[in-house]
PDB file of all heavy atoms in Angstrom:
ATOM      1  N   ILE A   1      -3.093 -67.506 -53.490  1.00  0.00           N
ATOM      2  CA  ILE A   1      -3.986 -68.671 -53.407  1.00  0.00           C
ATOM      3  C   ILE A   1      -5.409 -68.221 -53.086  1.00  0.00           C
ATOM      4  O   ILE A   1      -6.376 -68.674 -53.710  1.00  0.00           O
ATOM      5  CB  ILE A   1      -3.488 -69.660 -52.334  1.00  0.00           C
ATOM      6  CG1 ILE A   1      -2.133 -70.243 -52.728  1.00  0.00           C
ATOM      7  CG2 ILE A   1      -4.498 -70.803 -52.148  1.00  0.00           C
ATOM      8  CD1 ILE A   1      -1.442 -70.997 -51.604  1.00  0.00           C
ATOM      9  N   LEU A   2      -5.531 -67.316 -52.130  1.00  0.00           N
ATOM     10  CA  LEU A   2      -6.848 -66.844 -51.708  1.00  0.00           C
ATOM     11  C   LEU A   2      -7.563 -66.131 -52.861  1.00  0.00           C
ATOM     12  O   LEU A   2      -8.746 -66.399 -53.134  1.00  0.00           O
ATOM     13  CB  LEU A   2      -6.699 -65.904 -50.510  1.00  0.00           C
ATOM     14  CG  LEU A   2      -7.982 -65.488 -49.793  1.00  0.00           C
ATOM     15  CD1 LEU A   2      -8.716 -66.705 -49.229  1.00  0.00           C
ATOM     16  CD2 LEU A   2      -7.654 -64.505 -48.667  1.00  0.00           C
ATOM     17  N   TYR A   3      -6.863 -65.244 -53.529  1.00  0.00           N
ATOM     18  CA  TYR A   3      -7.463 -64.509 -54.650  1.00  0.00           C
ATOM     19  C   TYR A   3      -7.891 -65.463 -55.769  1.00  0.00           C
ATOM     20  O   TYR A   3      -9.007 -65.358 -56.295  1.00  0.00           O
ATOM     21  CB  TYR A   3      -6.463 -63.490 -55.189  1.00  0.00           C
ATOM     22  CG  TYR A   3      -6.786 -63.014 -56.586  1.00  0.00           C
ATOM     23  CD1 TYR A   3      -7.839 -62.124 -56.816  1.00  0.00           C
ATOM     24  CD2 TYR A   3      -6.043 -63.465 -57.682  1.00  0.00           C
ATOM     25  CE1 TYR A   3      -8.142 -61.700 -58.099  1.00  0.00           C
ATOM     26  CE2 TYR A   3      -6.342 -63.040 -58.961  1.00  0.00           C
ATOM     27  CZ  TYR A   3      -7.393 -62.165 -59.166  1.00  0.00           C
ATOM     28  OH  TYR A   3      -7.696 -61.759 -60.438  1.00  0.00           O
ATOM     29  N   THR A   4      -7.018 -66.381 -56.136  1.00  0.00           N
ATOM     30  CA  THR A   4      -7.333 -67.313 -57.221  1.00  0.00           C
ATOM     31  C   THR A   4      -8.509 -68.202 -56.860  1.00  0.00           C
ATOM     32  O   THR A   4      -9.389 -68.474 -57.691  1.00  0.00           O
ATOM     33  CB  THR A   4      -6.103 -68.176 -57.563  1.00  0.00           C
ATOM     34  OG1 THR A   4      -4.986 -67.324 -57.860  1.00  0.00           O
ATOM     35  CG2 THR A   4      -6.379 -69.069 -58.767  1.00  0.00           C
ATOM     36  N   ALA A   5      -8.564 -68.642 -55.608  1.00  0.00           N
ATOM     37  CA  ALA A   5      -9.669 -69.494 -55.163  1.00  0.00           C
ATOM     38  C   ALA A   5     -10.988 -68.730 -55.164  1.00  0.00           C
ATOM     39  O   ALA A   5     -12.036 -69.269 -55.535  1.00  0.00           O
ATOM     40  CB  ALA A   5      -9.378 -70.041 -53.764  1.00  0.00           C
ATOM     41  N   VAL A   6     -10.955 -67.453 -54.759  1.00  0.00           N
ATOM     42  CA  VAL A   6     -12.157 -66.626 -54.772  1.00  0.00           C
ATOM     43  C   VAL A   6     -12.636 -66.402 -56.203  1.00  0.00           C
ATOM     44  O   VAL A   6     -13.827 -66.541 -56.507  1.00  0.00           O
ATOM     45  CB  VAL A   6     -11.894 -65.273 -54.075  1.00  0.00           C
ATOM     46  CG1 VAL A   6     -13.012 -64.283 -54.362  1.00  0.00           C
ATOM     47  CG2 VAL A   6     -11.750 -65.473 -52.568  1.00  0.00           C
ATOM     48  N   ALA A   7     -11.704 -66.069 -57.097  1.00  0.00           N
ATOM     49  CA  ALA A   7     -12.071 -65.843 -58.494  1.00  0.00           C
ATOM     50  C   ALA A   7     -12.631 -67.116 -59.126  1.00  0.00           C
ATOM     51  O   ALA A   7     -13.588 -67.061 -59.911  1.00  0.00           O
ATOM     52  CB  ALA A   7     -10.851 -65.353 -59.268  1.00  0.00           C
ATOM     53  N   ASN A   8     -12.062 -68.238 -58.782  1.00  0.00           N
ATOM     54  CA  ASN A   8     -12.544 -69.523 -59.295  1.00  0.00           C
ATOM     55  C   ASN A   8     -13.953 -69.817 -58.806  1.00  0.00           C
ATOM     56  O   ASN A   8     -14.835 -70.222 -59.581  1.00  0.00           O
ATOM     57  CB  ASN A   8     -11.588 -70.632 -58.876  1.00  0.00           C
ATOM     58  CG  ASN A   8     -12.085 -72.009 -59.251  1.00  0.00           C
ATOM     59  OD1 ASN A   8     -12.756 -72.670 -58.451  1.00  0.00           O
ATOM     60  ND2 ASN A   8     -11.777 -72.460 -60.449  1.00  0.00           N
ATOM     61  N   ARG A   9     -14.198 -69.605 -57.503  1.00  0.00           N
ATOM     62  CA  ARG A   9     -15.501 -69.877 -56.908  1.00  0.00           C
ATOM     63  C   ARG A   9     -16.584 -68.955 -57.481  1.00  0.00           C
ATOM     64  O   ARG A   9     -17.721 -69.380 -57.707  1.00  0.00           O
ATOM     65  CB  ARG A   9     -15.412 -69.693 -55.396  1.00  0.00           C
ATOM     66  CG  ARG A   9     -16.723 -69.876 -54.635  1.00  0.00           C
ATOM     67  CD  ARG A   9     -17.054 -71.321 -54.389  1.00  0.00           C
ATOM     68  NE  ARG A   9     -16.021 -71.951 -53.574  1.00  0.00           N
ATOM     69  CZ  ARG A   9     -15.974 -71.901 -52.237  1.00  0.00           C
ATOM     70  NH1 ARG A   9     -16.931 -71.277 -51.569  1.00  0.00           N
ATOM     71  NH2 ARG A   9     -14.993 -72.507 -51.580  1.00  0.00           N
ATOM     72  N   ASP A  10     -16.226 -67.699 -57.716  1.00  0.00           N
ATOM     73  CA  ASP A  10     -17.208 -66.693 -58.112  1.00  0.00           C
ATOM     74  C   ASP A  10     -17.080 -66.322 -59.598  1.00  0.00           C
ATOM     75  O   ASP A  10     -17.493 -65.237 -60.009  1.00  0.00           O
ATOM     76  CB  ASP A  10     -17.014 -65.435 -57.247  1.00  0.00           C
ATOM     77  CG  ASP A  10     -18.255 -64.562 -57.171  1.00  0.00           C
ATOM     78  OD1 ASP A  10     -19.365 -65.085 -57.381  1.00  0.00           O
ATOM     79  OD2 ASP A  10     -18.099 -63.366 -56.894  1.00  0.00           O
ATOM     80  N   TYR A  11     -16.532 -67.233 -60.385  1.00  0.00           N
ATOM     81  CA  TYR A  11     -16.139 -66.898 -61.756  1.00  0.00           C
ATOM     82  C   TYR A  11     -17.292 -66.382 -62.613  1.00  0.00           C
ATOM     83  O   TYR A  11     -17.135 -65.423 -63.376  1.00  0.00           O
ATOM     84  CB  TYR A  11     -15.495 -68.106 -62.434  1.00  0.00           C
ATOM     85  CG  TYR A  11     -14.950 -67.773 -63.808  1.00  0.00           C
ATOM     86  CD1 TYR A  11     -13.806 -66.983 -63.946  1.00  0.00           C
ATOM     87  CD2 TYR A  11     -15.596 -68.212 -64.966  1.00  0.00           C
ATOM     88  CE1 TYR A  11     -13.311 -66.649 -65.192  1.00  0.00           C
ATOM     89  CE2 TYR A  11     -15.109 -67.877 -66.222  1.00  0.00           C
ATOM     90  CZ  TYR A  11     -13.963 -67.093 -66.328  1.00  0.00           C
ATOM     91  OH  TYR A  11     -13.484 -66.757 -67.567  1.00  0.00           O
ATOM     92  N   ASP A  12     -18.460 -66.990 -62.509  1.00  0.00           N
ATOM     93  CA  ASP A  12     -19.592 -66.564 -63.330  1.00  0.00           C
ATOM     94  C   ASP A  12     -19.954 -65.103 -63.086  1.00  0.00           C
ATOM     95  O   ASP A  12     -20.414 -64.407 -64.004  1.00  0.00           O
ATOM     96  CB  ASP A  12     -20.819 -67.446 -63.063  1.00  0.00           C
ATOM     97  CG  ASP A  12     -20.669 -68.841 -63.646  1.00  0.00           C
ATOM     98  OD1 ASP A  12     -19.782 -69.014 -64.522  1.00  0.00           O
ATOM     99  OD2 ASP A  12     -21.406 -69.745 -63.227  1.00  0.00           O
ATOM    100  N   ASN A  13     -19.737 -64.634 -61.862  1.00  0.00           N
ATOM    101  CA  ASN A  13     -20.082 -63.253 -61.526  1.00  0.00           C
ATOM    102  C   ASN A  13     -18.976 -62.255 -61.834  1.00  0.00           C
ATOM    103  O   ASN A  13     -19.253 -61.067 -62.048  1.00  0.00           O
ATOM    104  CB  ASN A  13     -20.454 -63.147 -60.043  1.00  0.00           C
ATOM    105  CG  ASN A  13     -21.742 -63.866 -59.715  1.00  0.00           C
ATOM    106  OD1 ASN A  13     -22.714 -63.801 -60.463  1.00  0.00           O
ATOM    107  ND2 ASN A  13     -21.757 -64.555 -58.584  1.00  0.00           N
ATOM    108  N   ILE A  14     -17.711 -62.719 -61.833  1.00  0.00           N
ATOM    109  CA  ILE A  14     -16.611 -61.766 -61.967  1.00  0.00           C
ATOM    110  C   ILE A  14     -15.880 -61.851 -63.301  1.00  0.00           C
ATOM    111  O   ILE A  14     -14.990 -61.040 -63.579  1.00  0.00           O
ATOM    112  CB  ILE A  14     -15.595 -61.942 -60.808  1.00  0.00           C
ATOM    113  CG1 ILE A  14     -15.037 -63.371 -60.745  1.00  0.00           C
ATOM    114  CG2 ILE A  14     -16.250 -61.581 -59.484  1.00  0.00           C
ATOM    115  CD1 ILE A  14     -13.830 -63.660 -61.587  1.00  0.00           C
ATOM    116  N   LYS A  15     -16.241 -62.790 -64.158  1.00  0.00           N
ATOM    117  CA  LYS A  15     -15.479 -62.965 -65.402  1.00  0.00           C
ATOM    118  C   LYS A  15     -15.519 -61.718 -66.283  1.00  0.00           C
ATOM    119  O   LYS A  15     -14.543 -61.390 -66.965  1.00  0.00           O
ATOM    120  CB  LYS A  15     -15.977 -64.184 -66.174  1.00  0.00           C
ATOM    121  CG  LYS A  15     -17.438 -64.153 -66.578  1.00  0.00           C
ATOM    122  CD  LYS A  15     -17.835 -65.468 -67.244  1.00  0.00           C
ATOM    123  CE  LYS A  15     -19.321 -65.486 -67.610  1.00  0.00           C
ATOM    124  NZ  LYS A  15     -19.713 -66.784 -68.223  1.00  0.00           N
ATOM    125  N   GLY A  16     -16.645 -60.997 -66.253  1.00  0.00           N
ATOM    126  CA  GLY A  16     -16.733 -59.768 -67.032  1.00  0.00           C
ATOM    127  C   GLY A  16     -15.766 -58.703 -66.545  1.00  0.00           C
ATOM    128  O   GLY A  16     -15.178 -57.968 -67.352  1.00  0.00           O
ATOM    129  N   TYR A  17     -15.588 -58.602 -65.236  1.00  0.00           N
ATOM    130  CA  TYR A  17     -14.669 -57.622 -64.670  1.00  0.00           C
ATOM    131  C   TYR A  17     -13.217 -57.985 -64.992  1.00  0.00           C
ATOM    132  O   TYR A  17     -12.398 -57.098 -65.278  1.00  0.00           O
ATOM    133  CB  TYR A  17     -14.853 -57.531 -63.156  1.00  0.00           C
ATOM    134  CG  TYR A  17     -16.248 -57.104 -62.750  1.00  0.00           C
ATOM    135  CD1 TYR A  17     -17.062 -57.940 -62.007  1.00  0.00           C
ATOM    136  CD2 TYR A  17     -16.747 -55.858 -63.124  1.00  0.00           C
ATOM    137  CE1 TYR A  17     -18.348 -57.560 -61.636  1.00  0.00           C
ATOM    138  CE2 TYR A  17     -18.024 -55.456 -62.760  1.00  0.00           C
ATOM    139  CZ  TYR A  17     -18.825 -56.316 -62.018  1.00  0.00           C
ATOM    140  OH  TYR A  17     -20.084 -55.935 -61.655  1.00  0.00           O
ATOM    141  N   LEU A  18     -12.903 -59.261 -64.957  1.00  0.00           N
ATOM    142  CA  LEU A  18     -11.554 -59.686 -65.324  1.00  0.00           C
ATOM    143  C   LEU A  18     -11.260 -59.345 -66.784  1.00  0.00           C
ATOM    144  O   LEU A  18     -10.168 -58.861 -67.116  1.00  0.00           O
ATOM    145  CB  LEU A  18     -11.405 -61.200 -65.112  1.00  0.00           C
ATOM    146  CG  LEU A  18     -11.278 -61.704 -63.684  1.00  0.00           C
ATOM    147  CD1 LEU A  18     -11.204 -63.229 -63.673  1.00  0.00           C
ATOM    148  CD2 LEU A  18     -10.040 -61.132 -63.009  1.00  0.00           C
ATOM    149  N   GLN A  19     -12.218 -59.592 -67.649  1.00  0.00           N
ATOM    150  CA  GLN A  19     -12.037 -59.290 -69.065  1.00  0.00           C
ATOM    151  C   GLN A  19     -11.898 -57.791 -69.291  1.00  0.00           C
ATOM    152  O   GLN A  19     -11.069 -57.335 -70.093  1.00  0.00           O
ATOM    153  CB  GLN A  19     -13.227 -59.837 -69.870  1.00  0.00           C
ATOM    154  CG  GLN A  19     -13.058 -59.712 -71.385  1.00  0.00           C
ATOM    155  CD  GLN A  19     -11.904 -60.545 -71.899  1.00  0.00           C
ATOM    156  OE1 GLN A  19     -11.771 -61.720 -71.554  1.00  0.00           O
ATOM    157  NE2 GLN A  19     -11.053 -59.937 -72.739  1.00  0.00           N
ATOM    158  N   ALA A  20     -12.701 -57.010 -68.557  1.00  0.00           N
ATOM    159  CA  ALA A  20     -12.637 -55.554 -68.702  1.00  0.00           C
ATOM    160  C   ALA A  20     -11.271 -55.013 -68.296  1.00  0.00           C
ATOM    161  O   ALA A  20     -10.700 -54.134 -68.975  1.00  0.00           O
ATOM    162  CB  ALA A  20     -13.734 -54.900 -67.862  1.00  0.00           C
ATOM    163  N   SER A  21     -10.717 -55.535 -67.205  1.00  0.00           N
ATOM    164  CA  SER A  21      -9.387 -55.110 -66.762  1.00  0.00           C
ATOM    165  C   SER A  21      -8.333 -55.486 -67.787  1.00  0.00           C
ATOM    166  O   SER A  21      -7.442 -54.689 -68.122  1.00  0.00           O
ATOM    167  CB  SER A  21      -9.045 -55.742 -65.408  1.00  0.00           C
ATOM    168  OG  SER A  21      -9.888 -55.267 -64.395  1.00  0.00           O
ATOM    169  N   TYR A  22      -8.445 -56.700 -68.293  1.00  0.00           N
ATOM    170  CA  TYR A  22      -7.483 -57.174 -69.298  1.00  0.00           C
ATOM    171  C   TYR A  22      -7.539 -56.297 -70.548  1.00  0.00           C
ATOM    172  O   TYR A  22      -6.507 -55.865 -71.072  1.00  0.00           O
ATOM    173  CB  TYR A  22      -7.803 -58.627 -69.652  1.00  0.00           C
ATOM    174  CG  TYR A  22      -6.947 -59.156 -70.800  1.00  0.00           C
ATOM    175  CD1 TYR A  22      -5.647 -59.573 -70.581  1.00  0.00           C
ATOM    176  CD2 TYR A  22      -7.480 -59.228 -72.094  1.00  0.00           C
ATOM    177  CE1 TYR A  22      -4.864 -60.045 -71.630  1.00  0.00           C
ATOM    178  CE2 TYR A  22      -6.707 -59.706 -73.140  1.00  0.00           C
ATOM    179  CZ  TYR A  22      -5.403 -60.106 -72.908  1.00  0.00           C
ATOM    180  OH  TYR A  22      -4.649 -60.566 -73.956  1.00  0.00           O
ATOM    181  N   ASP A  23      -8.747 -56.014 -71.016  1.00  0.00           N
ATOM    182  CA  ASP A  23      -8.910 -55.212 -72.224  1.00  0.00           C
ATOM    183  C   ASP A  23      -8.369 -53.794 -72.024  1.00  0.00           C
ATOM    184  O   ASP A  23      -7.753 -53.219 -72.938  1.00  0.00           O
ATOM    185  CB  ASP A  23     -10.385 -55.153 -72.634  1.00  0.00           C
ATOM    186  CG  ASP A  23     -10.908 -56.497 -73.109  1.00  0.00           C
ATOM    187  OD1 ASP A  23     -10.087 -57.366 -73.467  1.00  0.00           O
ATOM    188  OD2 ASP A  23     -12.139 -56.681 -73.116  1.00  0.00           O
ATOM    189  N   ALA A  24      -8.632 -53.223 -70.843  1.00  0.00           N
ATOM    190  CA  ALA A  24      -8.197 -51.850 -70.574  1.00  0.00           C
ATOM    191  C   ALA A  24      -6.670 -51.726 -70.623  1.00  0.00           C
ATOM    192  O   ALA A  24      -6.129 -50.792 -71.220  1.00  0.00           O
ATOM    193  CB  ALA A  24      -8.718 -51.392 -69.222  1.00  0.00           C
TER     194      ALA A  24
END
């Protein structure tokens, strides 16, 4: 819950990192 809420709150800043991990 904590991780998902943080990612949701900060999505504009971290979306690139999430995509990079997924692609890798």
